[in-house]
């Protein structure tokens, strides 16, 4: 691999010598005070979330009537966290307040044999469980016809909560509550939130209905799960999302959720050090592994159990499952790369015969990252091709799928990610349709990745003070990425190859000023040969502090490099 740049670097017009944080926020169009001083009090009330009051009344009515409730979720981390949060609240907190035993069951369908969301199969399972009320979390917004069929024919009541793109013809005359932040003409002040956040607000609505204190503060249960789901579901970490992740991380550090603490341990993370990176790249994938290649209810059991030995056992299972998932993903990716070959299409549609459905989204993400173009990855099975899609800025993949819906059994998602099922025998027709849309709507400029650099600095500006100032912008993640810093015209003074495979490298470079700067480059096997001593290079990346044996050293983690001009 190489870190040599193929991107278009958009550099700042000038170098900055002070007020780094203010400059970064201003360039991103963010108001400094509201960003840095935001708190849980800034979260808009549940009263602004469509149908939350109606849904709360239906749920409380079912609880007091001793009806059997089934919470129907999805098999990703957001779905697992949503189910866990709502089940825990009803089964433990509401039951304690009312002094009754509440009959509530968590349910998540199988990824491979049933697929995403509400289906005839999953609703059949729910009926077999004896459900009288189904509460969906993280799914259901596009299933009005199916819901009404089961309401009328089976007498099953529904409360739907979701956050995915709603259909364009969604009216306000639904026969059941639909709690949704993007409800047309009734949008919540923050529409881009995860399913677990929607459940969190619904819980506040239920508390209000039961005359329980519903004010949100740092001790409000569930902020940890909202934080996990927000990061893993790639919600933009600004506004309320940044707030819930910030306070959710603090809640995790207090060791209040046994299952999370055990998962943190098995992942090799110090509890005091946990941040958004760990949620997205270490903990989230382990929870997702349960839904990808195992049983998603294992994830729920982990998050709601209070027995440490039991949680430790599940955490170890998820850890091993994640290693297996990594192997399967790499194997599938190698096959996908062979299929792609030297294709130069504006959109890639790759289909395999034996890929596990749990890893096709990961393959799509890696191909999307490598080729920077929309990627659809599918696996053939009974009933057609099931697939997962990842897109690029400017090409709404869910809307594109909608233009080919006559070839699809179902589809849904967001602007940059979606899932879909192609009707049996319609693979070629769908491929032609989606490629025609891509060829029409994707320009050549859209296929060149623009990297907006936040700061252009000289090497002597890379200090501990700079790192600390930038850290005030945490938590970092999608929509609030760690600031990119560019340093130009560095002379390579010394290089050291690292790693068992020799695919990492440390460079000691000379810039302006007296001191040398340390650069660290990971997964750069090709660069270890191309970059030579005395070369002049430009780099972009981020500053960090490397702590070891009580010593601290400022280093620069390189994201991309190019030869100086």
Protein backbone atom coordinates (compact mmCIF):
# COMPACT_ATOMS: atom_id res chain seq x y z
CA UNK A 1 0.00 0.00 0.00
CA UNK A 2 0.96 3.62 -0.42
CA UNK A 3 0.08 6.91 1.22
CA UNK A 4 1.15 8.86 -1.86
CA UNK A 5 -1.66 11.26 -2.62
CA UNK A 6 -4.18 11.07 -5.46
CA UNK A 7 -6.38 13.68 -3.82
CA UNK A 8 -6.93 17.34 -4.52
CA UNK A 9 -5.49 19.23 -1.55
CA UNK A 10 -7.44 22.38 -0.79
CA UNK A 11 -4.95 24.37 1.26
CA UNK A 12 -5.75 27.40 3.44
CA UNK A 13 -4.89 30.73 1.91
CA UNK A 14 -2.50 31.58 4.71
CA UNK A 15 -0.51 30.11 7.57
CA UNK A 16 -1.90 30.67 11.06
CA UNK A 17 0.32 31.52 14.02
CA UNK A 18 -2.34 31.68 16.79
CA UNK A 19 -6.05 31.17 17.53
CA UNK A 20 -5.93 27.76 15.84
CA UNK A 21 -9.28 26.54 17.21
CA UNK A 22 -11.13 29.72 16.27
CA UNK A 23 -9.67 29.61 12.76
CA UNK A 24 -10.64 25.94 12.24
CA UNK A 25 -14.22 26.44 13.42
CA UNK A 26 -14.67 29.60 11.37
CA UNK A 27 -13.41 27.85 8.22
CA UNK A 28 -15.93 25.05 8.86
CA UNK A 29 -18.76 27.53 9.27
CA UNK A 30 -19.23 26.70 12.96
CA UNK A 31 -19.95 29.25 15.69
CA UNK A 32 -17.24 28.89 18.32
CA UNK A 33 -19.18 29.51 21.52
CA UNK A 34 -22.13 27.25 20.72
CA UNK A 35 -19.76 24.46 19.62
CA UNK A 36 -17.37 24.53 22.56
CA UNK A 37 -19.94 25.33 25.25
CA UNK A 38 -22.84 23.12 24.14
CA UNK A 39 -24.47 20.96 26.80
CA UNK A 40 -27.24 18.42 27.29
CA UNK A 41 -29.64 21.32 27.89
CA UNK A 42 -29.26 22.16 24.19
CA UNK A 43 -30.99 18.91 23.13
CA UNK A 44 -34.44 19.87 21.76
CA UNK A 45 -37.33 18.39 23.75
CA UNK A 46 -39.03 15.14 22.84
CA UNK A 47 -42.12 17.28 22.30
CA UNK A 48 -40.57 18.39 19.00
CA UNK A 49 -40.17 14.78 17.83
CA UNK A 50 -43.17 13.77 15.74
CA UNK A 51 -45.58 11.31 17.33
CA UNK A 52 -43.45 10.79 20.45
CA UNK A 53 -46.34 11.71 22.77
CA UNK A 54 -48.79 9.50 20.87
CA UNK A 55 -46.33 6.61 20.93
CA UNK A 56 -45.68 7.08 24.65
CA UNK A 57 -49.41 6.92 25.41
CA UNK A 58 -49.78 3.70 23.37
CA UNK A 59 -46.83 2.06 25.13
CA UNK A 60 -47.98 3.07 28.62
CA UNK A 61 -51.49 1.85 27.82
CA UNK A 62 -50.10 -1.53 26.72
CA UNK A 63 -47.91 -1.77 29.82
CA UNK A 64 -50.77 -1.02 32.21
CA UNK A 65 -53.01 -3.50 30.34
CA UNK A 66 -50.36 -6.20 30.87
CA UNK A 67 -50.00 -6.78 27.13
CA UNK A 68 -47.04 -8.69 25.75
CA UNK A 69 -44.67 -6.25 24.02
CA UNK A 70 -41.98 -7.24 21.53
CA UNK A 71 -39.24 -4.75 20.62
CA UNK A 72 -38.24 -5.43 16.98
CA UNK A 73 -34.80 -4.08 16.11
CA UNK A 74 -32.12 -4.28 13.45
CA UNK A 75 -28.92 -6.32 13.52
CA UNK A 76 -26.37 -3.47 13.38
CA UNK A 77 -24.90 -1.66 16.39
CA UNK A 78 -27.55 1.08 16.24
CA UNK A 79 -30.34 -1.51 16.22
CA UNK A 80 -28.74 -3.54 19.01
CA UNK A 81 -28.23 -0.42 21.17
CA UNK A 82 -31.81 0.72 20.47
CA UNK A 83 -33.33 -2.60 21.51
CA UNK A 84 -31.12 -2.76 24.61
CA UNK A 85 -31.97 0.76 25.73
CA UNK A 86 -35.75 0.45 25.36
CA UNK A 87 -35.96 -3.08 26.79
CA UNK A 88 -33.86 -2.11 29.80
CA UNK A 89 -36.00 0.97 30.45
CA UNK A 90 -39.33 -0.85 30.25
CA UNK A 91 -38.30 -4.09 31.99
CA UNK A 92 -36.36 -2.46 34.82
CA UNK A 93 -37.17 1.21 35.38
CA UNK A 94 -40.84 1.37 34.38
CA UNK A 95 -41.56 -1.93 36.11
CA UNK A 96 -40.03 -0.58 39.32
CA UNK A 97 -41.96 2.69 39.14
CA UNK A 98 -45.30 0.98 38.50
CA UNK A 99 -44.62 -1.93 40.82
CA UNK A 100 -45.56 -4.51 38.19
CA UNK A 101 -43.80 -7.07 36.05
CA UNK A 102 -43.71 -5.95 32.41
CA UNK A 103 -43.94 -8.57 29.68
CA UNK A 104 -41.46 -7.24 27.12
CA UNK A 105 -39.25 -9.29 24.81
CA UNK A 106 -36.30 -8.16 22.65
CA UNK A 107 -36.27 -9.48 19.07
CA UNK A 108 -33.85 -9.02 16.16
CA UNK A 109 -34.27 -10.91 12.86
CA UNK A 110 -31.50 -12.95 11.26
CA UNK A 111 -29.43 -11.05 8.72
CA UNK A 112 -29.03 -13.94 6.27
CA UNK A 113 -32.36 -15.77 6.39
CA UNK A 114 -34.64 -12.78 6.99
CA UNK A 115 -32.88 -9.57 6.08
CA UNK A 116 -33.24 -5.99 7.24
CA UNK A 117 -36.30 -4.51 8.91
CA UNK A 118 -39.90 -5.65 9.11
CA UNK A 119 -40.67 -8.64 6.89
CA UNK A 120 -43.39 -11.29 6.71
CA UNK A 121 -40.89 -13.67 8.28
CA UNK A 122 -39.92 -11.43 11.19
CA UNK A 123 -43.51 -10.43 11.92
CA UNK A 124 -44.43 -14.12 11.88
CA UNK A 125 -41.75 -14.66 14.54
CA UNK A 126 -43.16 -11.79 16.58
CA UNK A 127 -46.64 -13.33 16.47
CA UNK A 128 -45.19 -16.70 17.49
CA UNK A 129 -43.76 -14.93 20.55
CA UNK A 130 -47.31 -13.94 21.47
CA UNK A 131 -46.88 -10.22 20.82
CA UNK A 132 -49.83 -7.90 21.20
CA UNK A 133 -47.81 -4.72 20.61
CA UNK A 134 -44.73 -4.46 18.38
CA UNK A 135 -42.38 -1.52 18.92
CA UNK A 136 -39.90 -1.18 16.08
CA UNK A 137 -36.57 0.53 16.64
CA UNK A 138 -34.23 1.60 13.82
CA UNK A 139 -36.59 0.23 11.16
CA UNK A 140 -40.13 0.26 9.77
CA UNK A 141 -40.61 3.67 8.17
CA UNK A 142 -41.12 2.21 4.67
CA UNK A 143 -43.33 -0.71 5.70
CA UNK A 144 -46.79 0.88 5.94
CA UNK A 145 -48.47 -1.70 3.68
CA UNK A 146 -47.03 -4.65 5.61
CA UNK A 147 -47.86 -3.08 8.96
CA UNK A 148 -51.48 -2.43 8.00
CA UNK A 149 -51.80 -5.99 6.71
CA UNK A 150 -50.74 -7.44 10.06
CA UNK A 151 -52.83 -4.90 11.98
CA UNK A 152 -56.01 -5.88 10.14
CA UNK A 153 -55.43 -9.60 9.62
CA UNK A 154 -53.62 -10.50 12.86
CA UNK A 155 -54.75 -7.79 15.27
CA UNK A 156 -51.16 -6.80 16.05
CA UNK A 157 -50.67 -3.23 17.29
CA UNK A 158 -47.62 -1.21 16.19
CA UNK A 159 -45.49 1.69 17.37
CA UNK A 160 -42.79 2.49 14.80
CA UNK A 161 -39.58 4.37 15.59
CA UNK A 162 -36.99 4.93 12.88
CA UNK A 163 -34.51 7.45 11.51
CA UNK A 164 -33.94 6.25 7.93
CA UNK A 165 -35.05 8.23 4.87
CA UNK A 166 -38.88 8.20 4.83
CA UNK A 167 -40.81 7.62 1.59
CA UNK A 168 -41.88 10.74 -0.27
CA UNK A 169 -45.60 9.95 -0.04
CA UNK A 170 -45.69 9.68 3.75
CA UNK A 171 -48.77 11.46 5.06
CA UNK A 172 -49.94 12.34 8.56
CA UNK A 173 -52.92 10.01 8.46
CA UNK A 174 -51.11 6.89 9.64
CA UNK A 175 -53.12 4.35 11.59
CA UNK A 176 -50.26 3.87 14.05
CA UNK A 177 -47.65 6.11 15.74
CA UNK A 178 -44.47 6.76 13.73
CA UNK A 179 -41.76 8.47 15.73
CA UNK A 180 -39.32 9.93 13.20
CA UNK A 181 -36.98 12.97 13.14
CA UNK A 182 -37.46 13.51 9.38
CA UNK A 183 -41.25 13.27 9.29
CA UNK A 184 -42.24 15.51 6.34
CA UNK A 185 -43.30 19.00 7.47
CA UNK A 186 -42.83 17.96 11.10
CA UNK A 187 -39.05 17.63 11.24
CA UNK A 188 -37.18 17.51 14.54
CA UNK A 189 -34.68 20.41 14.85
CA UNK A 190 -31.86 17.88 14.30
CA UNK A 191 -32.83 15.41 11.58
CA UNK A 192 -29.54 13.53 11.24
CA UNK A 193 -29.66 11.44 14.41
CA UNK A 194 -29.39 7.69 14.97
CA UNK A 195 -32.15 5.25 15.87
CA UNK A 196 -30.93 4.96 19.46
CA UNK A 197 -31.22 8.74 19.90
CA UNK A 198 -34.84 8.52 18.71
CA UNK A 199 -35.47 5.79 21.32
CA UNK A 200 -33.74 7.92 23.97
CA UNK A 201 -36.17 10.78 23.30
CA UNK A 202 -39.13 8.39 23.23
CA UNK A 203 -38.07 7.25 26.70
CA UNK A 204 -38.24 10.85 27.91
CA UNK A 205 -41.77 11.03 26.46
CA UNK A 206 -42.75 7.85 28.32
CA UNK A 207 -41.28 9.28 31.53
CA UNK A 208 -43.39 12.41 31.08
CA UNK A 209 -46.49 10.26 30.53
CA UNK A 210 -45.73 8.39 33.78
CA UNK A 211 -44.89 11.60 35.67
CA UNK A 212 -41.24 10.57 36.07
CA UNK A 213 -38.52 13.22 35.92
CA UNK A 214 -37.52 13.42 32.25
CA UNK A 215 -34.97 16.22 32.32
CA UNK A 216 -31.80 15.11 30.54
CA UNK A 217 -28.57 15.41 32.52
CA UNK A 218 -25.19 13.67 32.70
CA UNK A 219 -26.71 10.85 34.77
CA UNK A 220 -29.55 10.06 32.35
CA UNK A 221 -29.35 6.34 31.62
CA UNK A 222 -28.56 5.38 28.07
CA UNK A 223 -26.28 8.20 26.98
CA UNK A 224 -23.50 5.63 26.66
CA UNK A 225 -25.53 3.57 24.17
CA UNK A 226 -26.63 6.67 22.25
CA UNK A 227 -22.95 7.64 21.94
CA UNK A 228 -22.01 4.19 20.66
CA UNK A 229 -24.81 4.15 18.08
CA UNK A 230 -24.19 7.74 16.96
CA UNK A 231 -20.56 7.01 16.11
CA UNK A 232 -21.08 3.55 14.58
CA UNK A 233 -24.00 4.74 12.44
CA UNK A 234 -21.83 7.60 11.08
CA UNK A 235 -23.96 10.45 12.33
CA UNK A 236 -22.31 13.85 11.94
CA UNK A 237 -20.63 14.79 15.24
CA UNK A 238 -21.96 18.33 15.48
CA UNK A 239 -24.89 19.84 17.41
CA UNK A 240 -26.78 17.28 19.54
CA UNK A 241 -24.72 14.36 18.21
CA UNK A 242 -21.51 15.88 19.53
CA UNK A 243 -23.18 16.54 22.87
CA UNK A 244 -24.51 13.00 23.40
CA UNK A 245 -21.20 11.43 22.34
CA UNK A 246 -19.25 13.74 24.66
CA UNK A 247 -21.41 12.94 27.69
CA UNK A 248 -21.89 9.31 26.66
CA UNK A 249 -18.13 8.79 26.74
CA UNK A 250 -17.98 10.31 30.21
CA UNK A 251 -20.73 7.93 31.30
CA UNK A 252 -18.74 4.94 29.97
CA UNK A 253 -15.71 5.98 32.00
CA UNK A 254 -17.78 5.70 35.20
CA UNK A 255 -18.06 1.91 34.66
CA UNK A 256 -21.84 1.83 35.08
CA UNK A 257 -22.63 -0.64 32.29
CA UNK A 258 -20.99 -3.97 33.07
CA UNK A 259 -21.14 -5.35 29.52
CA UNK A 260 -19.49 -2.32 27.96
CA UNK A 261 -16.75 -2.35 30.58
CA UNK A 262 -15.97 -6.01 29.82
CA UNK A 263 -15.98 -5.32 26.09
CA UNK A 264 -13.61 -2.40 26.66
CA UNK A 265 -11.25 -4.68 28.61
CA UNK A 266 -11.22 -7.46 26.03
CA UNK A 267 -10.54 -4.86 23.32
CA UNK A 268 -7.37 -3.77 25.10
CA UNK A 269 -8.58 -0.26 25.95
CA UNK A 270 -7.93 1.59 29.20
CA UNK A 271 -11.31 2.76 30.49
CA UNK A 272 -9.96 6.23 31.28
CA UNK A 273 -8.68 6.68 27.72
CA UNK A 274 -11.83 5.75 25.81
CA UNK A 275 -12.84 8.14 23.05
CA UNK A 276 -14.87 8.23 19.83
CA UNK A 277 -12.10 6.44 17.90
CA UNK A 278 -12.52 3.37 20.12
CA UNK A 279 -16.29 3.41 19.60
CA UNK A 280 -15.96 3.48 15.83
CA UNK A 281 -13.01 1.16 15.28
CA UNK A 282 -12.76 -1.21 18.25
CA UNK A 283 -15.99 -1.51 20.23
CA UNK A 284 -18.55 -0.88 17.49
CA UNK A 285 -17.12 -3.57 15.18
CA UNK A 286 -17.28 -6.13 18.00
CA UNK A 287 -20.95 -5.36 18.65
CA UNK A 288 -21.60 -5.36 14.92
CA UNK A 289 -19.89 -8.75 14.63
CA UNK A 290 -22.79 -10.27 16.56
CA UNK A 291 -25.21 -9.05 13.92
CA UNK A 292 -22.95 -9.78 10.96
CA UNK A 293 -21.95 -13.40 11.52
CA UNK A 294 -23.45 -14.38 14.89
CA UNK A 295 -26.54 -13.74 17.00
CA UNK A 296 -27.38 -10.05 17.47
CA UNK A 297 -29.21 -10.89 20.70
CA UNK A 298 -25.78 -11.69 22.16
CA UNK A 299 -25.07 -7.99 21.78
CA UNK A 300 -28.30 -7.12 23.59
CA UNK A 301 -27.53 -9.57 26.42
CA UNK A 302 -24.08 -8.01 26.80
CA UNK A 303 -25.46 -4.47 27.06
CA UNK A 304 -28.30 -5.14 29.52
CA UNK A 305 -26.87 -7.80 31.86
CA UNK A 306 -25.56 -6.84 35.30
CA UNK A 307 -23.65 -10.12 35.87
CA UNK A 308 -19.94 -9.54 35.30
CA UNK A 309 -18.91 -13.15 34.63
CA UNK A 310 -21.75 -13.57 32.13
CA UNK A 311 -20.77 -10.33 30.34
CA UNK A 312 -17.11 -11.32 30.31
CA UNK A 313 -18.02 -14.55 28.51
CA UNK A 314 -20.06 -12.77 25.84
CA UNK A 315 -17.38 -10.10 25.38
CA UNK A 316 -14.82 -12.83 24.69
CA UNK A 317 -17.17 -14.48 22.18
CA UNK A 318 -17.69 -11.17 20.37
CA UNK A 319 -13.96 -10.55 20.37
CA UNK A 320 -13.25 -13.89 18.68
CA UNK A 321 -16.14 -13.35 16.30
CA UNK A 322 -14.65 -10.02 15.29
CA UNK A 323 -11.36 -11.68 14.36
CA UNK A 324 -13.30 -14.15 12.23
CA UNK A 325 -15.19 -11.27 10.61
CA UNK A 326 -11.89 -9.55 9.76
CA UNK A 327 -10.58 -12.69 8.06
CA UNK A 328 -13.80 -13.14 6.07
CA UNK A 329 -13.77 -9.49 5.03
CA UNK A 330 -10.19 -9.62 3.76
CA UNK A 331 -10.87 -12.85 1.85
CA UNK A 332 -13.98 -11.35 0.24
CA UNK A 333 -12.16 -8.11 -0.54
CA UNK A 334 -9.39 -9.98 -2.36
CA UNK A 335 -12.01 -11.69 -4.54
CA UNK A 336 -13.82 -8.40 -5.16
CA UNK A 337 -10.60 -6.70 -6.26
CA UNK A 338 -10.05 -9.47 -8.81
CA UNK A 339 -13.58 -8.95 -10.16
CA UNK A 340 -13.10 -5.18 -10.40
CA UNK A 341 -9.76 -5.53 -12.19
CA UNK A 342 -9.04 -2.39 -14.20
CA UNK A 343 -12.65 -1.27 -14.63
CA UNK A 344 -12.98 2.51 -14.87
CA UNK A 345 -16.75 2.85 -14.44
CA UNK A 346 -18.23 5.76 -12.49
CA UNK A 347 -20.01 3.25 -10.25
CA UNK A 348 -18.93 -0.26 -9.27
CA UNK A 349 -21.46 -3.08 -8.90
CA UNK A 350 -19.71 -6.24 -7.72
CA UNK A 351 -21.53 -9.51 -7.00
CA UNK A 352 -20.15 -12.72 -5.50
CA UNK A 353 -21.66 -16.16 -5.14
CA UNK A 354 -20.63 -17.10 -1.63
CA UNK A 355 -19.90 -13.93 0.36
CA UNK A 356 -21.52 -13.82 3.77
CA UNK A 357 -24.14 -11.08 3.90
CA UNK A 358 -22.61 -9.82 7.10
CA UNK A 359 -19.43 -8.63 5.40
CA UNK A 360 -20.65 -7.22 2.06
CA UNK A 361 -21.10 -3.74 3.57
CA UNK A 362 -17.52 -3.83 4.82
CA UNK A 363 -16.25 -4.87 1.38
CA UNK A 364 -18.26 -2.05 -0.18
CA UNK A 365 -16.74 0.42 2.26
CA UNK A 366 -13.19 -0.66 1.51
CA UNK A 367 -13.72 -0.55 -2.27
CA UNK A 368 -15.32 2.87 -1.89
CA UNK A 369 -12.30 4.07 0.05
CA UNK A 370 -9.85 2.63 -2.50
CA UNK A 371 -11.52 3.80 -5.72
CA UNK A 372 -13.50 6.80 -4.43
CA UNK A 373 -16.69 6.15 -6.35
CA UNK A 374 -20.10 4.69 -5.44
CA UNK A 375 -19.81 0.96 -4.78
CA UNK A 376 -22.55 -1.66 -4.59
CA UNK A 377 -21.56 -5.11 -3.36
CA UNK A 378 -23.99 -8.02 -3.50
CA UNK A 379 -24.09 -11.73 -2.83
CA UNK A 380 -26.29 -14.14 -4.75
CA UNK A 381 -28.74 -16.36 -2.92
CA UNK A 382 -32.25 -17.69 -3.05
CA UNK A 383 -34.64 -14.95 -4.09
CA UNK A 384 -32.08 -12.69 -5.76
CA UNK A 385 -29.09 -10.55 -4.86
CA UNK A 386 -28.80 -8.93 -1.46
CA UNK A 387 -26.48 -5.99 -1.40
CA UNK A 388 -24.97 -3.08 0.45
CA UNK A 389 -23.95 0.28 -1.03
CA UNK A 390 -21.51 3.07 -0.13
CA UNK A 391 -21.42 6.35 -2.00
CA UNK A 392 -19.53 9.64 -2.40
CA UNK A 393 -20.47 13.24 -1.75
CA UNK A 394 -22.99 14.52 -4.27
CA UNK A 395 -24.50 11.16 -5.23
CA UNK A 396 -27.41 10.15 -2.99
CA UNK A 397 -27.32 6.38 -3.23
CA UNK A 398 -30.73 5.82 -1.61
CA UNK A 399 -32.41 8.13 -4.12
CA UNK A 400 -30.52 6.42 -6.94
CA UNK A 401 -31.80 3.03 -5.77
CA UNK A 402 -35.29 4.50 -5.72
CA UNK A 403 -35.03 5.25 -9.43
CA UNK A 404 -34.40 1.54 -10.01
CA UNK A 405 -36.97 0.28 -7.51
CA UNK A 406 -38.92 -1.72 -10.09
CA UNK A 407 -36.01 -4.18 -10.06
CA UNK A 408 -35.80 -4.26 -6.25
CA UNK A 409 -37.67 -6.20 -3.60
CA UNK A 410 -36.73 -3.61 -1.00
CA UNK A 411 -34.17 -0.90 -0.28
CA UNK A 412 -33.44 1.79 2.28
CA UNK A 413 -30.72 3.84 3.88
CA UNK A 414 -29.09 7.25 3.85
CA UNK A 415 -27.37 9.53 1.35
CA UNK A 416 -24.02 7.74 1.60
CA UNK A 417 -25.00 4.19 2.61
CA UNK A 418 -27.87 1.83 1.84
CA UNK A 419 -29.02 -1.76 1.68
CA UNK A 420 -31.02 -3.38 -1.11
CA UNK A 421 -32.37 -6.67 -2.46
CA UNK A 422 -32.56 -7.24 -6.22
CA UNK A 423 -35.52 -9.25 -7.50
CA UNK A 424 -34.69 -12.73 -8.71
CA UNK A 425 -33.71 -12.68 -12.38
CA UNK A 426 -33.35 -8.87 -12.48
CA UNK A 427 -29.64 -8.53 -11.70
CA UNK A 428 -28.67 -7.46 -15.24
CA UNK A 429 -31.60 -5.06 -15.54
CA UNK A 430 -30.78 -3.46 -12.21
CA UNK A 431 -27.09 -3.20 -13.10
CA UNK A 432 -27.93 -1.42 -16.36
CA UNK A 433 -30.33 0.94 -14.58
CA UNK A 434 -28.00 1.95 -11.75
CA UNK A 435 -25.06 2.44 -14.14
CA UNK A 436 -27.16 4.65 -16.40
CA UNK A 437 -28.08 6.85 -13.45
CA UNK A 438 -24.44 7.04 -12.33
CA UNK A 439 -23.22 7.92 -15.82
CA UNK A 440 -25.81 10.69 -16.04
CA UNK A 441 -25.40 12.21 -12.58
CA UNK A 442 -21.74 11.68 -11.62
CA UNK A 443 -19.28 14.17 -13.08
CA UNK A 444 -15.55 13.65 -13.51
CA UNK A 445 -14.91 16.26 -10.80
CA UNK A 446 -17.01 14.28 -8.30
CA UNK A 447 -14.65 11.33 -8.66
CA UNK A 448 -11.64 13.31 -7.46
CA UNK A 449 -11.56 13.38 -3.70
CA UNK A 450 -11.18 16.87 -2.32
CA UNK A 451 -9.31 17.09 0.96
CA UNK A 452 -9.91 20.37 2.72
CA UNK A 453 -6.88 21.12 4.86
CA UNK A 454 -7.65 22.94 8.10
CA UNK A 455 -4.22 24.34 8.90
CA UNK A 456 -1.08 25.12 6.90
CA UNK A 457 1.78 25.21 9.39
CA UNK A 458 5.54 25.16 9.52
CA UNK A 459 7.21 22.30 11.38
CA UNK A 460 8.09 24.28 14.52
CA UNK A 461 4.36 24.87 15.14
CA UNK A 462 3.81 21.14 15.80
CA UNK A 463 3.93 21.28 19.61
CA UNK A 464 2.18 19.85 22.67
CA UNK A 465 0.32 23.13 22.98
CA UNK A 466 -1.09 22.71 19.46
CA UNK A 467 -2.19 19.13 20.22
CA UNK A 468 -3.97 20.23 23.40
CA UNK A 469 -5.78 23.06 21.63
CA UNK A 470 -6.97 20.80 18.84
CA UNK A 471 -8.15 18.22 21.38
CA UNK A 472 -10.67 20.79 22.66
CA UNK A 473 -12.66 20.03 19.49
CA UNK A 474 -13.22 16.39 20.54
CA UNK A 475 -15.03 14.07 20.14
CA UNK A 476 -13.85 13.59 16.56
CA UNK A 477 -15.67 11.54 13.96
CA UNK A 478 -17.81 11.81 10.86
CA UNK A 479 -18.80 15.45 10.32
CA UNK A 480 -16.25 16.65 12.88
CA UNK A 481 -13.07 15.00 11.71
CA UNK A 482 -9.77 15.57 13.39
CA UNK A 483 -8.28 18.71 11.80
CA UNK A 484 -5.98 18.04 8.87
CA UNK A 485 -2.65 19.84 9.02
CA UNK A 486 -0.38 20.41 6.03
CA UNK A 487 3.38 20.93 6.26
CA UNK A 488 5.25 21.78 3.06
CA UNK A 489 8.82 21.36 1.94
CA UNK A 490 10.21 18.95 4.53
CA UNK A 491 13.61 17.40 3.91
CA UNK A 492 13.93 13.72 4.83
CA UNK A 493 16.92 13.46 7.18
CA UNK A 494 16.59 9.84 8.33
CA UNK A 495 14.15 6.95 7.82
CA UNK A 496 13.44 3.77 9.76
CA UNK A 497 11.35 0.84 8.50
CA UNK A 498 9.06 -0.65 11.17
CA UNK A 499 6.70 -3.57 11.67
CA UNK A 500 7.11 -7.33 11.22
CA UNK A 501 6.16 -7.00 7.56
CA UNK A 502 8.21 -3.85 7.03
CA UNK A 503 5.11 -1.92 6.01
CA UNK A 504 5.37 0.98 8.47
CA UNK A 505 7.93 3.77 8.55
CA UNK A 506 9.24 6.54 10.76
CA UNK A 507 10.84 9.60 9.15
CA UNK A 508 12.95 12.25 10.84
CA UNK A 509 12.63 15.44 8.81
CA UNK A 510 14.04 18.97 8.74
CA UNK A 511 11.67 21.85 8.22
CA UNK A 512 11.88 25.49 9.16
CA UNK A 513 13.44 26.22 12.51
CA UNK A 514 16.05 24.33 14.46
CA UNK A 515 14.21 21.23 15.70
CA UNK A 516 13.62 18.08 13.69
CA UNK A 517 10.09 16.65 13.32
CA UNK A 518 9.12 12.97 13.61
CA UNK A 519 6.70 11.58 11.02
CA UNK A 520 4.96 8.22 11.43
CA UNK A 521 3.47 6.40 8.43
CA UNK A 522 1.39 3.20 8.68
CA UNK A 523 0.60 0.68 5.92
CA UNK A 524 2.97 2.28 3.45
CA UNK A 525 5.02 -0.63 2.04
CA UNK A 526 5.51 1.02 -1.36
CA UNK A 527 6.56 4.30 0.23
CA UNK A 528 9.38 2.68 2.19
CA UNK A 529 11.22 2.30 -1.10
CA UNK A 530 10.02 5.45 -2.89
CA UNK A 531 10.76 8.00 -0.18
CA UNK A 532 14.52 8.46 0.12
CA UNK A 533 16.80 10.45 2.38
CA UNK A 534 17.24 14.07 1.17
CA UNK A 535 13.89 13.99 -0.70
CA UNK A 536 11.64 17.04 -0.24
CA UNK A 537 8.04 16.17 0.56
CA UNK A 538 4.74 17.81 1.51
CA UNK A 539 2.55 15.99 4.01
CA UNK A 540 -0.95 16.16 5.48
CA UNK A 541 -2.09 14.48 8.67
CA UNK A 542 -2.48 15.16 12.37
CA UNK A 543 -0.30 15.91 15.36
CA UNK A 544 -0.26 13.52 18.29
CA UNK A 545 1.62 12.87 21.52
CA UNK A 546 3.40 9.53 21.83
CA UNK A 547 3.72 8.49 25.49
CA UNK A 548 6.10 5.69 26.49
CA UNK A 549 8.08 4.87 29.63
CA UNK A 550 6.99 8.16 31.20
CA UNK A 551 8.28 10.17 28.25
CA UNK A 552 6.19 12.25 25.86
CA UNK A 553 7.12 13.06 22.27
CA UNK A 554 5.18 15.04 19.70
CA UNK A 555 4.84 13.16 16.43
CA UNK A 556 2.99 13.69 13.18
CA UNK A 557 0.77 10.92 11.80
CA UNK A 558 0.88 11.13 8.01
CA UNK A 559 -2.35 10.58 6.08
CA UNK A 560 -0.98 11.42 2.60
CA UNK A 561 2.25 12.75 1.09
CA UNK A 562 3.51 14.12 -2.20
CA UNK A 563 6.77 15.43 -3.61
CA UNK A 564 7.37 19.12 -2.98
CA UNK A 565 7.20 21.37 -6.04
